Protein backbone atom coordinates (compact mmCIF):
# COMPACT_ATOMS: atom_id res chain seq x y z
CA MET A 1 0.00 0.00 0.00
CA SER A 2 1.38 3.41 -0.99
CA ARG A 3 1.72 6.21 1.49
CA PHE A 4 -1.01 8.11 -0.38
CA GLN A 5 -3.45 5.16 -0.13
CA TRP A 6 -2.66 4.75 3.58
CA ILE A 7 -3.42 8.44 4.28
CA ALA A 8 -6.59 8.29 2.18
CA GLY A 9 -7.71 5.26 4.18
CA LEU A 10 -7.23 7.15 7.44
CA VAL A 11 -9.26 10.06 6.07
CA VAL A 12 -12.15 7.71 5.15
CA ILE A 13 -12.07 6.09 8.60
CA ALA A 14 -11.99 9.49 10.31
CA ALA A 15 -14.88 10.70 8.21
CA GLY A 16 -16.87 7.59 9.08
CA LEU A 17 -16.21 8.02 12.80
CA ALA A 18 -17.18 11.69 12.56
CA GLY A 19 -20.46 10.70 10.85
CA LEU A 20 -21.22 8.15 13.56
CA ALA A 21 -20.49 10.73 16.24
CA ALA A 22 -22.73 13.28 14.51
CA ARG A 23 -25.58 10.77 14.24
CA ALA A 24 -25.16 9.80 17.89
CA ASP A 25 -25.19 13.48 18.82
CA ASP A 26 -28.37 14.00 16.76
CA LYS A 27 -30.03 11.08 18.57
CA GLU A 28 -29.12 12.56 21.93
CA LYS A 29 -30.58 15.88 20.84
CA GLU A 30 -33.77 14.13 19.72
CA LYS A 31 -34.01 12.41 23.10
CA GLY A 32 -33.66 15.76 24.80
CA LYS A 33 -36.48 17.30 22.82
CA ALA A 34 -39.69 17.76 24.76
CA GLU A 35 -42.86 16.11 23.52
CA PRO A 36 -45.28 18.49 21.74
CA GLU A 37 -47.19 20.45 24.34
CA VAL A 38 -50.81 19.53 24.88
CA VAL A 39 -52.96 22.61 25.37
CA TYR A 40 -56.51 22.16 26.67
CA PRO A 41 -59.27 24.63 25.71
CA VAL A 42 -61.03 25.63 28.95
CA ALA A 43 -64.31 27.46 29.54
CA LEU A 44 -64.48 29.24 32.89
CA LEU A 45 -67.99 29.78 34.24
CA GLY A 46 -69.16 31.67 37.31
CA PHE A 47 -68.64 30.77 40.97
CA GLU A 48 -71.68 30.29 43.18
CA GLU A 49 -71.85 32.27 46.44
CA ARG A 50 -73.02 30.00 49.23
CA GLY A 51 -74.01 31.36 52.62
CA ALA A 52 -73.36 34.62 54.41
CA GLY A 53 -70.13 36.57 54.22
CA VAL A 54 -69.31 35.91 50.56
CA LYS A 55 -71.66 38.39 48.87
CA ASP A 56 -70.23 39.75 45.58
CA LEU A 57 -67.15 37.50 45.78
CA GLY A 58 -68.30 35.22 42.92
CA PRO A 59 -67.53 37.60 40.03
CA LYS A 60 -64.25 38.68 41.66
CA VAL A 61 -63.02 35.10 42.06
CA ALA A 62 -64.01 34.26 38.47
CA ASP A 63 -62.21 37.33 37.07
CA ILE A 64 -59.02 36.75 39.06
CA LEU A 65 -59.06 33.03 38.26
CA PHE A 66 -59.42 33.78 34.54
CA ALA A 67 -56.33 36.00 34.69
CA LYS A 68 -54.35 33.40 36.65
CA LEU A 69 -55.29 30.49 34.38
CA THR A 70 -54.57 32.51 31.25
CA ALA A 71 -50.94 32.64 32.36
CA LYS A 72 -50.72 28.81 32.39
CA SER A 73 -48.94 27.64 29.23
CA ASP A 74 -50.80 24.31 29.00
CA LEU A 75 -54.29 25.86 29.11
CA PHE A 76 -56.17 27.97 26.58
CA LEU A 77 -59.00 30.01 28.11
CA VAL A 78 -62.04 30.58 25.90
CA GLU A 79 -62.89 34.28 25.88
CA ARG A 80 -65.58 35.23 28.39
CA ALA A 81 -67.55 37.01 25.62
CA GLU A 82 -67.65 33.78 23.61
CA ILE A 83 -68.95 31.85 26.61
CA LYS A 84 -71.63 34.46 27.34
CA LYS A 85 -72.72 34.35 23.69
CA ALA A 86 -72.97 30.56 23.83
CA LEU A 87 -74.94 30.62 27.08
CA ASP A 88 -77.29 33.29 25.76
CA GLU A 89 -77.94 31.22 22.61
CA GLN A 90 -79.10 28.30 24.72
CA ALA A 91 -80.72 30.40 27.47
CA LEU A 92 -78.32 28.85 29.98
CA ASN A 93 -77.14 30.60 33.13
CA LEU A 94 -74.59 28.25 34.59
CA SER A 95 -72.74 28.81 37.83
CA GLY A 96 -71.66 26.31 40.48
CA ALA A 97 -74.17 23.57 39.66
CA VAL A 98 -73.64 22.18 36.16
CA LYS A 99 -75.22 19.03 34.77
CA ALA A 100 -73.34 16.77 32.37
CA ASP A 101 -75.61 17.54 29.41
CA GLU A 102 -75.22 21.29 30.02
CA ALA A 103 -71.42 20.90 30.11
CA THR A 104 -71.60 19.00 26.82
CA LYS A 105 -73.63 21.80 25.25
CA VAL A 106 -71.10 24.42 26.40
CA GLY A 107 -68.36 22.29 24.83
CA GLN A 108 -70.23 22.06 21.54
CA LEU A 109 -70.78 25.81 21.38
CA THR A 110 -67.35 27.01 22.52
CA GLY A 111 -64.97 24.20 21.59
CA ALA A 112 -63.90 23.80 25.23
CA LYS A 113 -62.70 20.36 26.29
CA LEU A 114 -62.81 21.32 29.97
CA LEU A 115 -65.22 23.42 31.98
CA VAL A 116 -64.23 25.06 35.28
CA THR A 117 -66.79 26.28 37.77
CA GLY A 118 -67.28 26.17 41.52
CA SER A 119 -68.45 27.82 44.68
CA ILE A 120 -67.34 30.05 47.55
CA LEU A 121 -68.36 29.72 51.17
CA MET A 122 -67.44 31.06 54.58
CA ALA A 123 -67.40 28.86 57.68
CA ASP A 124 -65.82 29.43 61.10
CA LYS A 125 -64.10 32.60 59.85
CA LYS A 126 -62.46 30.62 57.05
CA LEU A 127 -62.94 31.23 53.34
CA TYR A 128 -63.22 28.17 51.10
CA LEU A 129 -62.81 28.28 47.33
CA ILE A 130 -64.02 25.06 45.72
CA ALA A 131 -63.61 24.37 42.02
CA LYS A 132 -64.90 21.61 39.75
CA VAL A 133 -63.22 20.66 36.50
CA ILE A 134 -65.64 18.90 34.13
CA GLY A 135 -64.77 17.09 30.91
CA THR A 136 -67.30 18.38 28.37
CA GLU A 137 -67.09 15.14 26.33
CA THR A 138 -66.83 12.63 29.16
CA GLY A 139 -68.91 14.25 31.92
CA LYS A 140 -66.18 13.24 34.39
CA VAL A 141 -65.48 15.62 37.27
CA VAL A 142 -62.44 16.31 39.46
CA GLY A 143 -62.29 18.79 42.32
CA ALA A 144 -59.77 21.32 43.61
CA SER A 145 -60.01 23.55 46.65
CA VAL A 146 -58.11 25.97 48.87
CA GLU A 147 -58.92 27.56 52.19
CA GLY A 148 -57.71 30.54 54.13
CA ALA A 149 -58.65 33.06 56.77
CA ALA A 150 -61.37 35.52 55.91
CA SER A 151 -58.75 38.28 56.16
CA ASP A 152 -56.35 36.64 53.68
CA ASP A 153 -55.61 38.28 50.35
CA LEU A 154 -58.22 37.05 47.85
CA GLY A 155 -55.79 37.24 44.91
CA GLY A 156 -53.32 35.00 46.71
CA LEU A 157 -55.98 32.38 47.49
CA VAL A 158 -57.25 32.39 43.91
CA GLY A 159 -53.66 32.03 42.69
CA LYS A 160 -53.30 28.88 44.80
CA LEU A 161 -56.60 27.62 43.42
CA ALA A 162 -55.33 28.18 39.87
CA ASP A 163 -52.26 26.08 40.69
CA GLU A 164 -54.45 23.32 42.15
CA ILE A 165 -56.71 23.32 39.09
CA THR A 166 -53.74 23.12 36.72
CA ALA A 167 -52.21 20.26 38.72
CA LYS A 168 -55.51 18.34 38.70
CA ILE A 169 -55.87 18.78 34.95
CA GLY A 170 -52.30 17.58 34.42
CA LYS A 171 -52.87 14.53 36.61
CA ASP A 172 -56.36 13.55 35.41
CA ALA A 173 -56.34 14.79 31.81
CA THR A 174 -56.73 11.29 30.35
CA LYS A 175 -59.83 10.77 32.50
CA LEU A 176 -61.37 14.14 31.71
CA VAL A 177 -60.54 14.36 27.99
CA PRO A 178 -61.03 11.24 25.88
CA LYS A 179 -58.34 10.13 23.48
CA PRO A 180 -59.10 11.11 19.87
CA THR A 181 -61.01 8.29 18.14
CA PRO A 182 -59.54 7.27 14.76
CA ALA A 183 -61.72 8.36 11.83
CA VAL A 184 -62.21 4.75 10.73
CA ASP A 185 -63.66 3.86 14.14
CA ARG A 186 -65.94 6.91 14.13
CA ILE A 187 -67.25 5.99 10.70
CA ALA A 188 -67.80 2.37 11.75
CA ALA A 189 -69.76 3.52 14.82
CA LEU A 190 -71.85 5.88 12.67
CA GLU A 191 -72.58 3.14 10.12
CA LYS A 192 -73.74 0.86 12.93
CA LYS A 193 -76.01 3.62 14.27
CA LEU A 194 -77.54 4.18 10.83
CA GLY A 195 -78.25 0.46 10.48
CA LYS A 196 -79.91 -0.79 7.31
CA ALA A 197 -82.04 2.30 6.77
CA THR A 198 -82.20 3.66 3.23
CA ARG A 199 -79.67 6.40 2.59
CA PRO A 200 -80.96 9.32 0.50
CA VAL A 201 -78.98 10.99 -2.26
CA VAL A 202 -77.36 14.11 -0.78
CA TYR A 203 -76.10 17.39 -2.20
CA ILE A 204 -73.49 19.12 0.01
CA LEU A 205 -72.45 22.75 -0.32
CA VAL A 206 -70.80 24.44 2.67
CA PRO A 207 -68.77 27.61 1.98
CA GLU A 208 -66.13 28.50 4.54
CA ARG A 209 -63.44 31.03 5.30
CA HIS A 210 -60.45 31.48 7.57
CA ILE A 211 -60.63 35.06 8.78
CA GLY A 212 -57.61 37.01 7.57
CA THR A 213 -56.42 34.53 4.91
CA PRO A 214 -57.89 32.94 1.77
CA THR A 215 -59.48 29.48 2.04
CA ILE A 216 -57.35 26.89 0.24
CA ASP A 217 -59.93 24.12 0.03
CA PRO A 218 -63.38 23.38 1.52
CA ALA A 219 -62.42 21.32 4.58
CA VAL A 220 -65.99 21.14 5.96
CA GLN A 221 -67.61 20.09 2.70
CA THR A 222 -64.88 17.50 2.08
CA GLU A 223 -65.20 16.01 5.57
CA VAL A 224 -69.00 15.76 5.52
CA SER A 225 -68.82 14.20 2.04
CA ARG A 226 -66.27 11.69 3.29
CA PHE A 227 -68.53 10.59 6.16
CA CYS A 228 -71.50 10.35 3.80
CA LYS A 229 -69.71 8.27 1.19
CA ALA A 230 -68.13 5.99 3.79
CA THR A 231 -71.53 5.20 5.32
CA GLY A 232 -73.41 4.46 2.10
CA PHE A 233 -74.90 7.81 1.04
CA GLU A 234 -74.70 8.76 -2.62
CA VAL A 235 -73.18 12.23 -2.90
CA VAL A 236 -73.82 14.31 -6.03
CA ASP A 237 -71.15 16.74 -7.20
CA PRO A 238 -72.25 20.36 -6.60
CA ASP A 239 -69.94 21.51 -9.42
CA GLU A 240 -71.65 19.27 -11.95
CA GLY A 241 -75.17 20.62 -11.48
CA GLY A 242 -76.42 17.52 -9.67
CA LYS A 243 -78.68 19.37 -7.23
CA ALA A 244 -81.87 18.24 -9.03
CA ARG A 245 -80.92 14.59 -8.44
CA ALA A 246 -80.58 14.97 -4.68
CA ASP A 247 -83.16 13.96 -2.11
CA VAL A 248 -81.57 16.01 0.67
CA LEU A 249 -79.68 19.31 0.50
CA ILE A 250 -76.98 19.79 3.14
CA THR A 251 -75.92 23.42 3.34
CA GLY A 252 -74.40 25.75 5.88
CA GLU A 253 -71.22 27.66 6.54
CA GLY A 254 -67.94 27.38 8.39
CA PHE A 255 -65.32 29.82 9.56
CA SER A 256 -62.13 29.70 11.56
CA GLU A 257 -60.13 32.42 13.30
CA VAL A 258 -57.14 32.79 15.56
CA ALA A 259 -58.29 32.65 19.16
CA GLY A 260 -54.95 33.19 20.90
CA ARG A 261 -51.29 32.27 21.07
CA VAL A 262 -49.55 30.21 23.73
CA GLY A 263 -45.78 30.43 23.41
CA GLY A 264 -44.93 29.22 19.92
CA LEU A 265 -48.34 27.62 19.46
CA VAL A 266 -51.44 29.18 17.93
CA SER A 267 -55.01 28.41 19.01
CA VAL A 268 -57.61 28.47 16.25
CA ARG A 269 -61.36 28.28 16.82
CA ALA A 270 -63.71 27.03 14.10
CA ARG A 271 -67.50 27.14 14.03
CA VAL A 272 -69.57 25.10 11.58
CA GLU A 273 -73.33 25.25 11.02
CA LEU A 274 -75.20 22.65 8.96
CA LYS A 275 -78.80 22.38 7.81
CA ALA A 276 -80.36 19.39 6.02
CA VAL A 277 -83.52 20.02 3.98
CA ASP A 278 -85.75 17.65 2.04
CA ARG A 279 -85.44 19.05 -1.50
CA LYS A 280 -88.99 18.22 -2.60
CA THR A 281 -90.93 19.28 0.49
CA GLY A 282 -88.64 21.94 1.94
CA LYS A 283 -88.88 20.25 5.35
CA VAL A 284 -85.89 20.85 7.62
CA LEU A 285 -84.64 17.41 8.65
CA ALA A 286 -81.80 18.58 10.87
CA ALA A 287 -80.06 21.80 11.94
CA ASP A 288 -77.05 21.88 14.21
CA ARG A 289 -73.79 23.67 14.96
CA GLN A 290 -70.44 22.79 16.47
CA THR A 291 -67.37 24.72 17.59
CA ALA A 292 -63.90 23.18 17.77
CA VAL A 293 -60.58 24.53 19.01
CA VAL A 294 -57.24 23.20 17.77
CA VAL A 295 -53.75 24.22 18.89
CA ASP A 296 -50.84 23.81 16.47
CA LEU A 297 -47.59 25.42 15.39
CA ALA A 298 -49.09 26.61 12.08
CA GLU A 299 -52.21 28.79 11.88
CA LEU A 300 -53.62 27.35 8.65
CA VAL A 301 -53.03 23.75 9.76
CA ALA A 302 -54.85 24.44 13.02
CA GLY A 303 -57.69 26.16 11.16
CA LYS A 304 -58.16 23.30 8.72
CA GLN A 305 -58.05 20.71 11.49
CA ALA A 306 -60.55 22.65 13.61
CA LEU A 307 -62.98 22.85 10.67
CA GLN A 308 -62.57 19.13 9.98
CA ASP A 309 -63.11 18.23 13.65
CA ALA A 310 -66.28 20.31 13.87
CA ALA A 311 -67.58 18.91 10.56
CA ALA A 312 -66.92 15.29 11.57
CA THR A 313 -68.72 15.75 14.89
CA LEU A 314 -71.69 17.34 13.12
CA ALA A 315 -71.82 14.54 10.55
CA GLU A 316 -72.12 12.03 13.41
CA ARG A 317 -75.17 13.92 14.76
CA VAL A 318 -76.83 15.14 11.55
CA LEU A 319 -76.72 12.04 9.33
CA PRO A 320 -78.78 9.85 11.72
CA LYS A 321 -81.40 12.63 11.89
CA ILE A 322 -81.57 12.77 8.08
CA VAL A 323 -82.22 9.03 7.90
CA ALA A 324 -84.71 9.03 10.79
CA ASN A 325 -86.68 12.10 9.68
CA GLY A 326 -86.64 11.02 6.06
CA LYS A 327 -88.77 7.97 6.94
CA LYS A 328 -91.62 10.07 8.38
């Protein structure tokens, strides 16, 4: 072997060792990377005042708690105005006592996965702040509470309550918020619910927009069409003038908008409304709406996913009504 070949061989070996070291270093860096942060959309309702000595404390506790929870990086607080709008739409006035079906309705209208409410009471010169965290999809409840002297700083007590609530959510998140169900399982469950009933021919047209940016493709319309086709409905193409062939017209609208930013993540809220009408009679077979919140690194990705999530949930509720009401 010549001296040149010997040196070249050493260079190749050194390069190989350097590559191995670089790959090992990359693996170590990957190990050190944190898992993507899970951010839970939370709706904060009022606090009920129970007994003497706590008059007018309910709104104060709710306002301070909202500010404290907003600072938590793993929670996204739904705007109070959005919650009020949702409650007004359903003529709900929820405070400390919330039923499971009411919590579900709040989740549908605001996109919240968790609902926080509670009560305040005074006993033996001690102030008790008691919170309930309710999963809007599961109906499961966990509690958190703090106590202090009546003379203690209210802001400090509420701050401790915020910490307790955050800790409870972190510990019991899997119990409160169900794991996402794969689309194939959701479709299978929907098909089972529909049974052997005759599926009408449907025409689907749902315009949508992402506030501030152009809409790339109709996520809602595509998702509803996918659920229809997968469960045996014939879907006519709205671009090919097939409306006259349809038995049922599914129309509505969808929009998404940035709801807030948490660190490097963006929260996007989407709202979808659908209406199903018998084309020949004009009878409304179903009308429903759903809000979804998705947190992602990219705004448009989050917006598209939120629209798809809301549309899929609506399809699960609306399609059975179309089949059932179409028989009457």
